[in-house]
Protein backbone atom coordinates (compact mmCIF):
# COMPACT_ATOMS: atom_id res chain seq x y z
CA UNK A 1 19.54 -36.24 9.45
CA UNK A 2 21.94 -33.75 10.44
CA UNK A 3 22.90 -33.09 7.05
CA UNK A 4 19.49 -31.85 6.37
CA UNK A 5 18.81 -29.80 9.04
CA UNK A 6 22.22 -28.19 7.91
CA UNK A 7 21.26 -27.44 5.13
CA UNK A 8 18.05 -26.05 6.37
CA UNK A 9 19.13 -23.51 8.41
CA UNK A 10 21.76 -22.71 5.90
CA UNK A 11 18.49 -22.15 3.51
CA UNK A 12 16.74 -19.87 6.06
CA UNK A 13 19.85 -18.12 6.87
CA UNK A 14 20.43 -17.25 3.17
CA UNK A 15 17.21 -16.25 2.71
CA UNK A 16 17.52 -14.16 5.94
CA UNK A 17 20.16 -12.31 4.17
CA UNK A 18 18.13 -12.14 0.36
CA UNK A 19 15.50 -10.22 2.46
CA UNK A 20 17.49 -8.20 4.48
CA UNK A 21 19.39 -7.23 1.35
CA UNK A 22 16.60 -6.05 -0.36
CA UNK A 23 14.86 -3.90 2.26
CA UNK A 24 17.96 -2.21 2.87
CA UNK A 25 18.50 -1.74 -1.76
CA UNK A 26 14.60 -1.05 -1.90
CA UNK A 27 15.44 1.89 0.59
CA UNK A 28 16.83 3.85 -2.15
CA UNK A 29 16.37 1.86 -5.46
CA UNK A 30 13.29 2.36 -6.85
CA UNK A 31 11.14 -1.14 -6.86
CA UNK A 32 11.48 -1.87 -10.70
CA UNK A 33 8.18 -4.84 -10.30
CA UNK A 34 6.66 -7.24 -7.97
CA UNK A 35 4.67 -10.27 -7.96
CA UNK A 36 1.22 -8.60 -8.37
CA UNK A 37 2.92 -6.42 -11.85
CA UNK A 38 4.45 -9.49 -12.84
CA UNK A 39 1.41 -12.02 -12.82
CA UNK A 40 -0.85 -9.47 -14.31
CA UNK A 41 -2.58 -10.78 -17.85
CA UNK A 42 -3.23 -7.39 -18.62
CA UNK A 43 0.58 -6.49 -18.82
CA UNK A 44 1.96 -2.58 -16.50
CA UNK A 45 1.67 0.82 -16.72
CA UNK A 46 3.61 2.31 -14.26
CA UNK A 47 5.85 5.39 -13.76
CA UNK A 48 8.50 5.92 -10.91
CA UNK A 49 7.69 9.09 -9.22
CA UNK A 50 9.45 10.29 -6.20
CA UNK A 51 7.25 11.29 -3.46
CA UNK A 52 7.90 15.18 -4.11
CA UNK A 53 5.89 14.61 -7.35
CA UNK A 54 3.18 13.66 -5.98
CA UNK A 55 0.53 15.71 -4.78
CA UNK A 56 0.38 16.19 -0.98
CA UNK A 57 -3.47 15.42 -1.77
CA UNK A 58 -3.05 12.56 -2.81
CA UNK A 59 -0.82 11.42 0.68
CA UNK A 60 -3.87 12.71 2.33
CA UNK A 61 -6.40 10.33 0.89
CA UNK A 62 -4.93 7.08 0.92
CA UNK A 63 -4.10 7.71 4.63
CA UNK A 64 -8.34 9.09 5.25
CA UNK A 65 -9.26 6.21 3.47
CA UNK A 66 -6.85 3.46 4.42
CA UNK A 67 -5.01 3.71 7.71
CA UNK A 68 -5.82 7.35 9.84
CA UNK A 69 -3.51 6.11 12.13
CA UNK A 70 -0.14 5.49 9.72
CA UNK A 71 1.99 7.98 11.46
CA UNK A 72 1.02 6.91 15.28
CA UNK A 73 2.03 2.80 14.72
CA UNK A 74 4.15 0.72 14.26
CA UNK A 75 2.93 -0.97 11.19
CA UNK A 76 0.21 -2.79 12.66
CA UNK A 77 -2.70 -1.26 13.84
CA UNK A 78 -3.85 -2.85 16.48
CA UNK A 79 -7.33 -2.32 16.73
CA UNK A 80 -8.52 -2.36 12.80
CA UNK A 81 -6.77 -5.89 13.70
CA UNK A 82 -8.99 -6.56 16.25
CA UNK A 83 -12.16 -5.41 15.28
CA UNK A 84 -11.64 -7.59 11.74
CA UNK A 85 -11.12 -10.51 13.09
CA UNK A 86 -14.33 -9.84 15.13
CA UNK A 87 -16.82 -8.92 12.08
CA UNK A 88 -15.13 -11.96 9.88
CA UNK A 89 -16.17 -14.41 13.19
CA UNK A 90 -19.30 -12.53 12.31
CA UNK A 91 -19.19 -14.36 8.67
CA UNK A 92 -20.38 -11.78 5.61
CA UNK A 93 -18.09 -10.14 3.84
CA UNK A 94 -14.58 -10.25 4.66
CA UNK A 95 -12.53 -7.21 6.46
CA UNK A 96 -8.94 -6.82 6.48
CA UNK A 97 -7.01 -4.36 9.18
CA UNK A 98 -3.95 -4.24 7.41
CA UNK A 99 -2.08 -0.95 6.90
CA UNK A 100 -0.82 0.95 4.59
CA UNK A 101 3.00 -0.73 5.56
CA UNK A 102 1.78 -4.38 5.88
CA UNK A 103 0.59 -3.85 2.09
CA UNK A 104 3.43 -2.48 0.84
CA UNK A 105 5.81 -5.28 2.62
CA UNK A 106 3.10 -7.24 0.46
CA UNK A 107 2.51 -5.74 -2.27
CA UNK A 108 6.97 -5.20 -3.16
CA UNK A 109 8.13 -8.68 -1.29
CA UNK A 110 5.22 -10.91 -2.00
CA UNK A 111 1.89 -12.36 -3.20
CA UNK A 112 -1.32 -11.82 -3.22
CA UNK A 113 -3.71 -14.27 -1.17
CA UNK A 114 -3.95 -14.69 2.49
CA UNK A 115 -2.63 -17.52 4.32
CA UNK A 116 -0.81 -17.47 7.97
CA UNK A 117 2.39 -18.28 6.37
CA UNK A 118 1.86 -15.24 3.75
CA UNK A 119 0.69 -13.26 6.47
CA UNK A 120 3.78 -14.69 8.47
CA UNK A 121 6.09 -12.77 6.45
CA UNK A 122 3.63 -9.97 5.88
CA UNK A 123 4.80 -9.03 9.00
CA UNK A 124 8.08 -9.38 9.29
CA UNK A 125 8.69 -7.47 5.80
CA UNK A 126 6.00 -5.01 7.73
CA UNK A 127 8.83 -4.88 10.89
CA UNK A 128 11.82 -4.43 8.64
CA UNK A 129 10.66 -1.57 6.33
CA UNK A 130 9.17 0.19 9.12
CA UNK A 131 12.77 -0.29 11.06
CA UNK A 132 14.76 0.43 7.93
CA UNK A 133 12.42 3.21 5.19
CA UNK A 134 10.31 4.88 8.01
CA UNK A 135 7.19 6.29 7.29
CA UNK A 136 8.31 8.62 4.22
CA UNK A 137 9.54 6.19 2.30
CA UNK A 138 7.28 3.57 2.86
CA UNK A 139 4.92 5.93 1.73
CA UNK A 140 6.67 6.42 -1.73
CA UNK A 141 7.14 2.56 -2.31
CA UNK A 142 3.05 2.47 -1.65
CA UNK A 143 1.29 4.85 -3.94
CA UNK A 144 4.35 3.99 -6.54
CA UNK A 145 3.47 0.44 -6.45
CA UNK A 146 0.28 -0.03 -5.99
CA UNK A 147 -2.55 -1.57 -8.27
CA UNK A 148 -4.06 1.84 -9.52
CA UNK A 149 -6.38 0.21 -11.80
CA UNK A 150 -6.06 -3.01 -14.93
CA UNK A 151 -2.63 -3.05 -16.00
CA UNK A 152 -2.07 -0.18 -13.96
CA UNK A 153 0.33 0.75 -11.12
CA UNK A 154 1.97 3.54 -9.15
CA UNK A 155 0.16 7.06 -8.58
CA UNK A 156 1.59 8.46 -11.38
CA UNK A 157 -0.05 5.87 -14.05
CA UNK A 158 -3.25 6.50 -12.26
CA UNK A 159 -3.96 10.31 -12.48
CA UNK A 160 -2.30 9.85 -16.62
CA UNK A 161 -5.21 7.16 -17.08
CA UNK A 162 -7.71 8.59 -15.52
CA UNK A 163 -7.52 12.06 -15.43
CA UNK A 164 -4.28 12.63 -18.73
CA UNK A 165 -2.48 14.89 -16.05
CA UNK A 166 0.65 14.26 -13.70
CA UNK A 167 0.32 12.76 -9.87
CA UNK A 168 1.46 16.36 -8.97
CA UNK A 169 -1.04 18.16 -9.68
CA UNK A 170 -4.33 16.30 -8.66
CA UNK A 171 -7.10 17.91 -6.41
CA UNK A 172 -8.23 16.44 -3.67
CA UNK A 173 -11.72 14.66 -5.32
CA UNK A 174 -9.47 13.24 -8.00
CA UNK A 175 -7.10 12.22 -5.42
CA UNK A 176 -10.15 10.76 -3.40
CA UNK A 177 -11.50 9.03 -5.64
CA UNK A 178 -8.26 7.73 -6.91
CA UNK A 179 -7.93 6.45 -3.47
CA UNK A 180 -11.54 4.49 -2.19
CA UNK A 181 -10.55 3.06 -6.00
CA UNK A 182 -7.44 1.40 -4.46
CA UNK A 183 -9.11 -1.81 -2.41
CA UNK A 184 -10.27 -2.60 -5.74
CA UNK A 185 -9.01 -1.06 -8.49
CA UNK A 186 -10.32 -4.13 -10.94
CA UNK A 187 -13.92 -2.93 -10.57
CA UNK A 188 -14.31 0.20 -8.74
CA UNK A 189 -14.59 3.38 -11.48
CA UNK A 190 -12.60 6.21 -10.38
CA UNK A 191 -14.16 8.53 -13.56
CA UNK A 192 -17.60 8.13 -12.75
CA UNK A 193 -18.36 6.43 -9.20
CA UNK A 194 -21.83 6.14 -8.77
CA UNK A 195 -23.87 5.13 -5.81
CA UNK A 196 -22.12 4.21 -2.47
CA UNK A 197 -19.05 4.33 -4.25
CA UNK A 198 -19.41 8.14 -4.86
CA UNK A 199 -20.59 8.72 -2.10
CA UNK A 200 -16.87 6.97 0.07
CA UNK A 201 -15.06 9.08 -2.57
CA UNK A 202 -16.90 12.31 -1.85
CA UNK A 203 -16.19 11.20 2.35
CA UNK A 204 -12.66 10.83 1.43
CA UNK A 205 -12.04 14.17 0.59
CA UNK A 206 -13.72 15.89 2.95
CA UNK A 207 -11.18 13.98 5.36
CA UNK A 208 -8.31 15.17 4.00
CA UNK A 209 -8.74 18.59 4.99
CA UNK A 210 -9.19 16.70 8.17
CA UNK A 211 -5.63 14.66 8.08
CA UNK A 212 -4.06 18.07 6.91
CA UNK A 213 -5.61 19.89 10.03
CA UNK A 214 -4.50 16.85 12.82
CA UNK A 215 -1.16 16.21 11.01
CA UNK A 216 -2.26 12.96 10.53
CA UNK A 217 0.55 13.29 7.68
CA UNK A 218 3.28 14.97 9.18
CA UNK A 219 5.28 11.59 9.49
CA UNK A 220 5.47 12.00 5.95
CA UNK A 221 6.93 15.27 5.24
CA UNK A 222 9.07 15.95 8.45
């Protein structure tokens, strides 16, 4: 039993060191591939771009759509989590409370799907990237690894696919439509959305100005 415990502790320590090394490495090096990409049966189309080459409209759009408190929280929006838990307890459509930081941690280091074990690892990696990467790097990585369509990953590949242009020159409406599709990129149309999705995209587009005026993206560009 003592020998087994020794090897368990040694393995745990090794995994801890490896996780720290990966987080430090990806602070400076583009993420080459994620578990989601590797398991995608549709192949992978991606093109890493530095944040300086991604239009601010898209940064503001994802903040407006996904995480309005991105610059204010420490990786976790506790109010959103509590509301999600209350909503889910009532049944119906499952509602999430994940921040952009949590989504980035999951996308880069983990796998899709739920479960308390994965959620615990997600919280661990979220704390690490908040402390080691900072907000600007988190946003940069998020916009480069997020699934933006079938077999398509990152802002640049998404912009080229839907609008035939670089992510550096997206309009507010184009950015808003990409942001609106992010939660379900395989199912939501970016180019020709209809009904609720079109209205949702228009709402996000209008909120881009509010993000700019209120400085809700200040931590990304300071």
